[in-house]
């Protein structure tokens, strides 16, 4: 394009020279019109060459003021571009208007309502979840979980809650199965270890008593224990069972109202939580939870991913048909976008200004010229043509007025 524009200038020069020679040779009045058009075309071509060249460099290397505009004003241009973007693209009104016209809520609903899209989002979320879990260090998470559980347990008194729960269990007779189990196991153990019980009784007798007496006493104690446990096992209305009910009822009440009982429970809680085994158990729970989540995220048929897909499909269907929900989503997105552009506008525009400022001036000038230079050369060509037409018109008018 530079060659074509320069060729047009040379063509005007050749035409001017030939027309002037022909006019001096007496070829006729028409040579004056041609010479005037060619002369004005040369002036227009040279003027526009100067204007285009002055954008990128100093014409012929001469230090003419207000030339080489892009290299010398690069930083100011970057600042102006950043300010222009900030004022005209990153304003809250522009962002809200544009997002409101897009209708994100409606589009998002229609998109998520497609099963394939919901599956795609679920897969991406699963990948992100696995990545997040891979980044987290187990030791850090375990320390946080252990500290959080311990702090929460220390801050919360558990005795009233335990008492209320025990009270409901007793009222609903939920403890009776435990009593039944204890009675059955006790009766079975006594039947199996009768000799051990009798030996224990005989061994605790005074040394001066005869051995056969100790044996008889042991047998008597064993039979009474076995009878008591068997009756308690087989009789739902056994007095001992009623005693257990009353004990548990009283204990439940003490847990809720008795300061001394509550204080004992709190001390016991602190002692249990302070044991290394308990702390290790709390910390190790994260490993199990992490493995479970990772396995569920990787398995396309897991309950986690199935429920996630169902939730996304349901959300998409609601968004697609609920105007109020669409409005809420649009408002949330608009508010979030406005917050970002208003809070970080300077950081965003500084990216433009700092990037432009870091460019080499000469390299930048050549880069811009390479991208838009073709269109700029049309300015030179148009200047040549328009100049020639203007010169012809001026010569014609002057000739008519003078004629």
Protein backbone atom coordinates (compact mmCIF):
# COMPACT_ATOMS: atom_id res chain seq x y z
CA UNK A 1 0.00 0.00 0.00
CA UNK A 2 2.94 2.32 0.61
CA UNK A 3 4.11 1.58 -2.92
CA UNK A 4 0.71 2.35 -4.41
CA UNK A 5 0.42 5.62 -2.45
CA UNK A 6 3.94 6.68 -3.44
CA UNK A 7 3.25 5.64 -7.02
CA UNK A 8 0.21 7.93 -7.07
CA UNK A 9 2.43 10.83 -5.96
CA UNK A 10 4.98 10.05 -8.67
CA UNK A 11 2.20 9.76 -11.25
CA UNK A 12 0.97 13.25 -10.33
CA UNK A 13 4.53 14.57 -10.65
CA UNK A 14 4.96 13.00 -14.11
CA UNK A 15 1.56 14.31 -15.28
CA UNK A 16 2.43 17.79 -13.96
CA UNK A 17 5.75 17.76 -15.80
CA UNK A 18 4.22 16.58 -19.09
CA UNK A 19 1.30 19.00 -18.85
CA UNK A 20 3.61 21.92 -18.15
CA UNK A 21 5.85 20.96 -21.10
CA UNK A 22 2.86 20.55 -23.36
CA UNK A 23 1.47 23.93 -22.29
CA UNK A 24 4.78 25.67 -23.01
CA UNK A 25 4.82 23.95 -26.39
CA UNK A 26 1.43 25.49 -27.30
CA UNK A 27 -0.63 22.32 -27.00
CA UNK A 28 -3.67 24.28 -25.85
CA UNK A 29 -5.53 25.59 -22.81
CA UNK A 30 -6.43 22.12 -21.59
CA UNK A 31 -2.85 21.63 -20.38
CA UNK A 32 -3.43 24.26 -17.69
CA UNK A 33 -6.30 22.28 -16.24
CA UNK A 34 -4.26 19.07 -16.20
CA UNK A 35 -1.23 20.80 -14.68
CA UNK A 36 -3.36 22.42 -11.95
CA UNK A 37 -4.99 19.10 -11.05
CA UNK A 38 -1.64 17.29 -10.95
CA UNK A 39 -0.03 20.05 -8.91
CA UNK A 40 -2.82 19.99 -6.31
CA UNK A 41 -2.66 16.18 -6.28
CA UNK A 42 1.06 16.34 -5.42
CA UNK A 43 0.34 18.83 -2.63
CA UNK A 44 -2.43 16.61 -1.21
CA UNK A 45 -0.24 13.51 -1.43
CA UNK A 46 2.68 15.20 0.31
CA UNK A 47 0.47 16.71 3.02
CA UNK A 48 -1.18 13.37 3.84
CA UNK A 49 2.20 11.58 3.69
CA UNK A 50 3.44 14.04 6.29
CA UNK A 51 0.33 13.51 8.46
CA UNK A 52 0.50 9.71 8.32
CA UNK A 53 4.25 9.58 8.86
CA UNK A 54 4.08 12.03 11.78
CA UNK A 55 1.98 9.51 13.72
CA UNK A 56 4.78 6.96 13.86
CA UNK A 57 8.09 8.79 13.32
CA UNK A 58 9.68 12.13 12.50
CA UNK A 59 9.32 12.84 8.77
CA UNK A 60 12.79 12.55 7.14
CA UNK A 61 14.23 12.52 10.68
CA UNK A 62 13.58 16.24 11.16
CA UNK A 63 12.75 17.33 14.77
CA UNK A 64 9.47 18.93 13.75
CA UNK A 65 7.16 19.67 16.71
CA UNK A 66 4.13 17.38 17.22
CA UNK A 67 5.53 14.53 15.15
CA UNK A 68 6.32 10.92 16.14
CA UNK A 69 3.14 11.11 18.22
CA UNK A 70 2.77 7.43 19.10
CA UNK A 71 6.37 6.87 20.33
CA UNK A 72 6.48 10.10 22.34
CA UNK A 73 2.92 9.96 23.68
CA UNK A 74 2.75 6.19 24.26
CA UNK A 75 2.38 6.39 28.04
CA UNK A 76 -0.20 9.16 27.84
CA UNK A 77 -2.14 7.15 25.27
CA UNK A 78 -2.09 4.16 27.60
CA UNK A 79 -3.35 6.27 30.48
CA UNK A 80 -6.07 7.78 28.30
CA UNK A 81 -7.08 4.33 27.07
CA UNK A 82 -7.28 3.06 30.65
CA UNK A 83 -9.37 6.05 31.73
CA UNK A 84 -11.64 5.62 28.70
CA UNK A 85 -12.22 1.94 29.49
CA UNK A 86 -12.85 2.71 33.17
CA UNK A 87 -15.35 5.48 32.48
CA UNK A 88 -17.21 3.93 29.57
CA UNK A 89 -17.03 0.17 30.19
CA UNK A 90 -16.49 -0.29 33.92
CA UNK A 91 -19.18 2.01 35.25
CA UNK A 92 -21.97 0.56 37.37
CA UNK A 93 -24.72 1.85 35.05
CA UNK A 94 -23.13 0.31 31.97
CA UNK A 95 -22.57 -3.04 33.70
CA UNK A 96 -26.12 -3.19 35.08
CA UNK A 97 -27.69 -2.21 31.76
CA UNK A 98 -25.69 -4.77 29.81
CA UNK A 99 -26.28 -7.63 32.25
CA UNK A 100 -29.99 -6.82 32.50
CA UNK A 101 -30.26 -6.98 28.72
CA UNK A 102 -28.54 -10.37 28.66
CA UNK A 103 -31.05 -11.98 31.05
CA UNK A 104 -28.59 -14.27 32.78
CA UNK A 105 -31.17 -15.90 35.04
CA UNK A 106 -33.36 -17.03 32.17
CA UNK A 107 -30.46 -18.20 30.03
CA UNK A 108 -28.83 -20.02 32.92
CA UNK A 109 -32.10 -21.76 33.75
CA UNK A 110 -32.63 -22.94 30.20
CA UNK A 111 -29.04 -24.12 29.96
CA UNK A 112 -29.05 -26.01 33.26
CA UNK A 113 -32.40 -27.62 32.47
CA UNK A 114 -30.64 -29.70 29.82
CA UNK A 115 -29.44 -33.03 31.34
CA UNK A 116 -26.20 -32.95 29.36
CA UNK A 117 -25.36 -29.50 30.70
CA UNK A 118 -26.21 -30.47 34.27
CA UNK A 119 -23.96 -33.51 33.91
CA UNK A 120 -21.16 -31.29 32.57
CA UNK A 121 -21.43 -28.88 35.50
CA UNK A 122 -21.49 -31.80 37.94
CA UNK A 123 -18.32 -33.23 36.39
CA UNK A 124 -16.58 -29.85 36.56
CA UNK A 125 -17.60 -29.37 40.17
CA UNK A 126 -16.36 -32.85 41.01
CA UNK A 127 -13.00 -32.09 39.41
CA UNK A 128 -12.76 -28.82 41.31
CA UNK A 129 -13.68 -30.56 44.55
CA UNK A 130 -11.03 -33.23 44.06
CA UNK A 131 -8.48 -30.55 43.23
CA UNK A 132 -9.32 -28.58 46.35
CA UNK A 133 -9.04 -31.66 48.54
CA UNK A 134 -5.71 -32.54 46.92
CA UNK A 135 -4.32 -29.08 47.65
CA UNK A 136 -5.33 -29.13 51.31
CA UNK A 137 -2.75 -30.69 53.61
CA UNK A 138 -4.22 -33.35 55.86
CA UNK A 139 -2.20 -32.22 58.88
CA UNK A 140 -3.53 -28.67 58.61
CA UNK A 141 -7.14 -29.76 58.19
CA UNK A 142 -6.86 -32.29 61.00
CA UNK A 143 -5.48 -29.64 63.32
CA UNK A 144 -8.30 -27.25 62.41
CA UNK A 145 -10.98 -29.93 62.80
CA UNK A 146 -9.60 -31.13 66.13
CA UNK A 147 -9.32 -27.59 67.49
CA UNK A 148 -12.81 -26.68 66.26
CA UNK A 149 -14.45 -29.79 67.73
CA UNK A 150 -12.65 -29.37 71.04
CA UNK A 151 -13.46 -25.67 71.29
CA UNK A 152 -17.09 -26.31 70.41
CA UNK A 153 -17.37 -29.13 72.95
CA UNK A 154 -15.74 -27.02 75.67
CA UNK A 155 -18.04 -24.11 75.01
CA UNK A 156 -21.21 -26.20 75.02
CA UNK A 157 -22.47 -27.77 78.26
CA UNK A 158 -23.57 -31.30 77.45
CA UNK A 159 -25.21 -32.39 80.73
CA UNK A 160 -28.64 -30.76 80.11
CA UNK A 161 -28.76 -32.17 76.60
CA UNK A 162 -27.83 -35.63 77.80
CA UNK A 163 -30.44 -35.40 80.56
CA UNK A 164 -33.16 -34.32 78.13
CA UNK A 165 -32.26 -37.15 75.75
CA UNK A 166 -32.16 -39.72 78.56
CA UNK A 167 -35.52 -38.48 79.83
CA UNK A 168 -37.12 -39.02 76.41
CA UNK A 169 -35.51 -42.45 76.08
CA UNK A 170 -36.87 -43.57 79.47
CA UNK A 171 -40.30 -42.10 78.74
CA UNK A 172 -40.43 -44.03 75.45
CA UNK A 173 -39.09 -47.22 77.16
CA UNK A 174 -36.18 -47.20 74.78
CA UNK A 175 -33.80 -48.30 77.55
CA UNK A 176 -35.61 -51.57 78.16
CA UNK A 177 -33.93 -53.33 75.28
CA UNK A 178 -30.57 -52.48 76.83
CA UNK A 179 -31.77 -53.85 80.19
CA UNK A 180 -33.03 -57.01 78.46
CA UNK A 181 -29.68 -57.47 76.76
CA UNK A 182 -27.75 -56.99 80.03
CA UNK A 183 -29.99 -59.47 81.85
CA UNK A 184 -29.66 -62.10 79.12
CA UNK A 185 -25.88 -61.73 78.97
CA UNK A 186 -25.61 -61.79 82.78
CA UNK A 187 -27.73 -64.94 83.05
CA UNK A 188 -25.73 -66.67 80.32
CA UNK A 189 -22.46 -65.69 81.96
CA UNK A 190 -23.58 -66.94 85.38
CA UNK A 191 -24.72 -70.26 83.93
CA UNK A 192 -21.38 -70.67 82.18
CA UNK A 193 -19.12 -69.49 85.01
CA UNK A 194 -20.88 -70.87 88.10
CA UNK A 195 -17.68 -72.37 89.47
CA UNK A 196 -15.86 -69.06 89.18
CA UNK A 197 -18.55 -67.29 91.21
CA UNK A 198 -18.55 -69.95 93.94
CA UNK A 199 -14.75 -69.92 94.08
CA UNK A 200 -14.74 -66.13 94.37
CA UNK A 201 -17.20 -66.27 97.30
CA UNK A 202 -15.32 -69.06 99.06
CA UNK A 203 -12.04 -67.28 98.54
CA UNK A 204 -13.34 -64.18 100.28
CA UNK A 205 -14.49 -66.06 103.39
CA UNK A 206 -12.56 -65.81 106.69
CA UNK A 207 -9.75 -68.29 107.16
CA UNK A 208 -11.23 -69.84 110.31
CA UNK A 209 -14.42 -71.09 108.61
CA UNK A 210 -14.53 -74.70 107.38
CA UNK A 211 -14.09 -75.25 103.70
CA UNK A 212 -17.39 -77.09 103.24
CA UNK A 213 -19.18 -74.11 104.82
CA UNK A 214 -17.49 -71.75 102.42
CA UNK A 215 -18.53 -74.01 99.63
CA UNK A 216 -22.14 -74.08 100.75
CA UNK A 217 -22.21 -70.31 101.10
CA UNK A 218 -20.74 -69.93 97.62
CA UNK A 219 -23.35 -72.25 96.17
CA UNK A 220 -26.10 -70.36 97.97
CA UNK A 221 -24.88 -67.01 96.73
CA UNK A 222 -24.55 -68.33 93.21
CA UNK A 223 -28.09 -69.77 93.18
CA UNK A 224 -29.53 -66.51 94.51
CA UNK A 225 -27.66 -64.46 91.93
CA UNK A 226 -28.76 -66.75 89.13
CA UNK A 227 -32.37 -66.71 90.37
CA UNK A 228 -32.35 -62.92 90.66
CA UNK A 229 -30.92 -62.37 87.19
CA UNK A 230 -33.15 -65.03 85.62
CA UNK A 231 -36.28 -63.53 87.16
CA UNK A 232 -35.22 -60.06 86.10
CA UNK A 233 -34.66 -61.41 82.59
CA UNK A 234 -38.02 -63.21 82.37
CA UNK A 235 -40.27 -60.79 84.30
CA UNK A 236 -40.93 -57.43 82.58
CA UNK A 237 -42.49 -56.14 85.83
CA UNK A 238 -39.65 -57.21 88.08
CA UNK A 239 -39.07 -54.74 90.95
CA UNK A 240 -35.41 -54.38 89.96
CA UNK A 241 -36.47 -53.17 86.53
CA UNK A 242 -38.65 -50.56 88.17
CA UNK A 243 -35.67 -49.52 90.29
CA UNK A 244 -33.62 -49.11 87.11
CA UNK A 245 -36.40 -46.97 85.60
CA UNK A 246 -36.51 -44.75 88.69
CA UNK A 247 -32.73 -44.46 88.79
CA UNK A 248 -32.53 -43.41 85.17
CA UNK A 249 -35.41 -40.95 85.62
CA UNK A 250 -33.75 -39.38 88.64
CA UNK A 251 -30.40 -39.29 86.89
CA UNK A 252 -31.94 -37.58 83.85
CA UNK A 253 -33.44 -34.94 86.13
CA UNK A 254 -30.13 -34.45 87.97
CA UNK A 255 -28.32 -33.96 84.66
CA UNK A 256 -30.67 -31.10 83.85
CA UNK A 257 -31.09 -29.43 87.24
CA UNK A 258 -28.48 -30.57 89.77
CA UNK A 259 -25.39 -28.30 89.69
CA UNK A 260 -23.11 -30.90 91.25
CA UNK A 261 -24.06 -33.60 88.75
CA UNK A 262 -23.68 -31.21 85.87
CA UNK A 263 -20.24 -30.14 87.12
CA UNK A 264 -19.12 -33.77 87.34
CA UNK A 265 -20.25 -34.42 83.78
CA UNK A 266 -18.34 -31.36 82.54
CA UNK A 267 -15.18 -32.50 84.31
CA UNK A 268 -15.56 -35.94 82.81
CA UNK A 269 -16.11 -34.40 79.36
CA UNK A 270 -12.92 -32.34 79.66
CA UNK A 271 -10.94 -35.35 80.79
CA UNK A 272 -12.22 -37.46 77.88
CA UNK A 273 -11.57 -34.74 75.29
CA UNK A 274 -8.10 -34.15 76.66
CA UNK A 275 -6.99 -37.74 76.17
CA UNK A 276 -4.58 -38.24 73.24
CA UNK A 277 -6.61 -41.14 71.93
CA UNK A 278 -9.72 -38.98 71.59
CA UNK A 279 -7.83 -36.16 69.91
CA UNK A 280 -6.30 -38.62 67.48
CA UNK A 281 -9.73 -40.09 66.76
CA UNK A 282 -11.16 -36.62 66.04
CA UNK A 283 -8.23 -35.76 63.78
CA UNK A 284 -8.34 -39.06 61.92
CA UNK A 285 -12.01 -38.52 61.10
CA UNK A 286 -10.92 -36.04 58.42
CA UNK A 287 -9.05 -38.74 56.56
CA UNK A 288 -12.13 -40.93 56.39
CA UNK A 289 -14.33 -38.02 55.32
CA UNK A 290 -11.81 -36.94 52.68
CA UNK A 291 -11.54 -40.43 51.20
CA UNK A 292 -15.31 -40.76 51.14
CA UNK A 293 -15.77 -37.42 49.36
CA UNK A 294 -13.03 -38.12 46.79
CA UNK A 295 -14.45 -41.56 46.01
CA UNK A 296 -17.95 -40.11 45.64
CA UNK A 297 -16.69 -37.30 43.39
CA UNK A 298 -14.86 -39.75 41.10
CA UNK A 299 -17.77 -42.20 40.81
CA UNK A 300 -20.31 -40.99 38.25
CA UNK A 301 -22.98 -43.17 39.81
CA UNK A 302 -22.35 -42.11 43.40
CA UNK A 303 -25.16 -40.69 45.49
CA UNK A 304 -23.27 -37.40 45.76
CA UNK A 305 -23.09 -36.85 42.00
CA UNK A 306 -26.61 -38.17 41.41
CA UNK A 307 -28.01 -35.72 43.94
CA UNK A 308 -25.86 -32.90 42.52
CA UNK A 309 -27.19 -33.54 39.00
CA UNK A 310 -30.76 -33.70 40.26
CA UNK A 311 -30.31 -30.47 42.19
CA UNK A 312 -28.86 -28.69 39.14
CA UNK A 313 -31.67 -29.93 36.88
CA UNK A 314 -34.26 -28.85 39.41
CA UNK A 315 -32.61 -25.44 39.74
CA UNK A 316 -32.51 -25.05 35.96
CA UNK A 317 -36.19 -25.93 35.60
CA UNK A 318 -37.16 -23.49 38.35
CA UNK A 319 -35.04 -20.74 36.84
CA UNK A 320 -36.50 -21.32 33.39
CA UNK A 321 -40.08 -20.96 34.60
CA UNK A 322 -39.95 -18.69 37.65
CA UNK A 323 -39.73 -14.99 36.81
CA UNK A 324 -39.17 -14.00 40.44
CA UNK A 325 -36.25 -16.38 40.82
CA UNK A 326 -34.80 -15.13 37.53
CA UNK A 327 -35.03 -11.59 38.87
CA UNK A 328 -33.22 -12.56 42.05
CA UNK A 329 -30.41 -14.27 40.13
CA UNK A 330 -30.09 -11.28 37.79
CA UNK A 331 -29.89 -8.95 40.77
CA UNK A 332 -27.25 -11.10 42.49
CA UNK A 333 -25.13 -11.22 39.34
CA UNK A 334 -25.51 -7.48 38.73
CA UNK A 335 -24.60 -6.63 42.31
CA UNK A 336 -21.57 -8.93 42.20
CA UNK A 337 -20.37 -7.51 38.88
CA UNK A 338 -20.90 -3.91 40.01
CA UNK A 339 -19.00 -4.63 43.21
CA UNK A 340 -16.08 -6.04 41.24
CA UNK A 341 -15.86 -3.21 38.70
CA UNK A 342 -16.29 -0.46 41.27
CA UNK A 343 -13.91 -1.98 43.80
CA UNK A 344 -11.22 -3.09 41.38
CA UNK A 345 -11.66 -0.54 38.58
CA UNK A 346 -8.29 1.06 39.23
CA UNK A 347 -6.56 -2.31 39.26
CA UNK A 348 -8.24 -3.28 35.97
CA UNK A 349 -7.41 -0.02 34.20
CA UNK A 350 -3.88 -0.03 35.61
CA UNK A 351 -3.36 -3.32 33.80
CA UNK A 352 -3.88 -1.42 30.53
CA UNK A 353 -1.74 1.60 31.43
CA UNK A 354 1.10 -0.43 32.94
CA UNK A 355 1.14 -2.85 30.02
CA UNK A 356 1.31 -0.03 27.49
CA UNK A 357 3.97 1.75 29.56
CA UNK A 358 6.13 -1.40 29.56
CA UNK A 359 6.17 -1.58 25.75
CA UNK A 360 9.20 -0.32 23.82
CA UNK A 361 8.25 2.92 22.06
CA UNK A 362 9.79 2.09 18.69
CA UNK A 363 8.55 -1.48 18.72
CA UNK A 364 5.06 -0.31 19.69
CA UNK A 365 5.01 2.24 16.88
CA UNK A 366 6.01 -0.40 14.32
CA UNK A 367 3.48 -2.87 15.70
CA UNK A 368 0.61 -0.38 15.46
CA UNK A 369 1.68 0.73 12.01
CA UNK A 370 1.79 -2.89 10.84
CA UNK A 371 -1.80 -3.42 12.03
CA UNK A 372 -3.45 -0.22 10.78
CA UNK A 373 -0.92 1.06 8.22
CA UNK A 374 -2.82 -0.34 5.24
CA UNK A 375 -5.84 1.82 6.06
CA UNK A 376 -3.59 4.83 6.68
CA UNK A 377 -2.08 4.51 3.20
CA UNK A 378 -5.58 4.95 1.78
CA UNK A 379 -5.48 8.39 3.37
CA UNK A 380 -2.50 9.25 1.18
CA UNK A 381 -4.21 7.86 -1.92
CA UNK A 382 -7.43 9.71 -1.12
CA UNK A 383 -5.44 12.89 -0.45
CA UNK A 384 -3.87 12.60 -3.91
CA UNK A 385 -7.22 12.11 -5.64
CA UNK A 386 -9.10 14.73 -3.61
CA UNK A 387 -6.23 17.20 -4.02
CA UNK A 388 -6.26 16.73 -7.78
CA UNK A 389 -10.02 17.24 -7.98
CA UNK A 390 -9.82 20.30 -5.71
CA UNK A 391 -7.00 21.78 -7.80
CA UNK A 392 -8.96 21.21 -11.00
CA UNK A 393 -12.04 22.83 -9.47
CA UNK A 394 -10.10 25.86 -8.20
CA UNK A 395 -8.36 26.33 -11.56
CA UNK A 396 -11.68 26.09 -13.37
CA UNK A 397 -13.37 28.63 -11.12
CA UNK A 398 -10.38 31.00 -11.38
CA UNK A 399 -10.38 30.70 -15.16
CA UNK A 400 -14.09 31.39 -15.40
CA UNK A 401 -13.91 34.39 -13.11
CA UNK A 402 -10.90 35.76 -14.89
CA UNK A 403 -12.12 35.01 -18.34
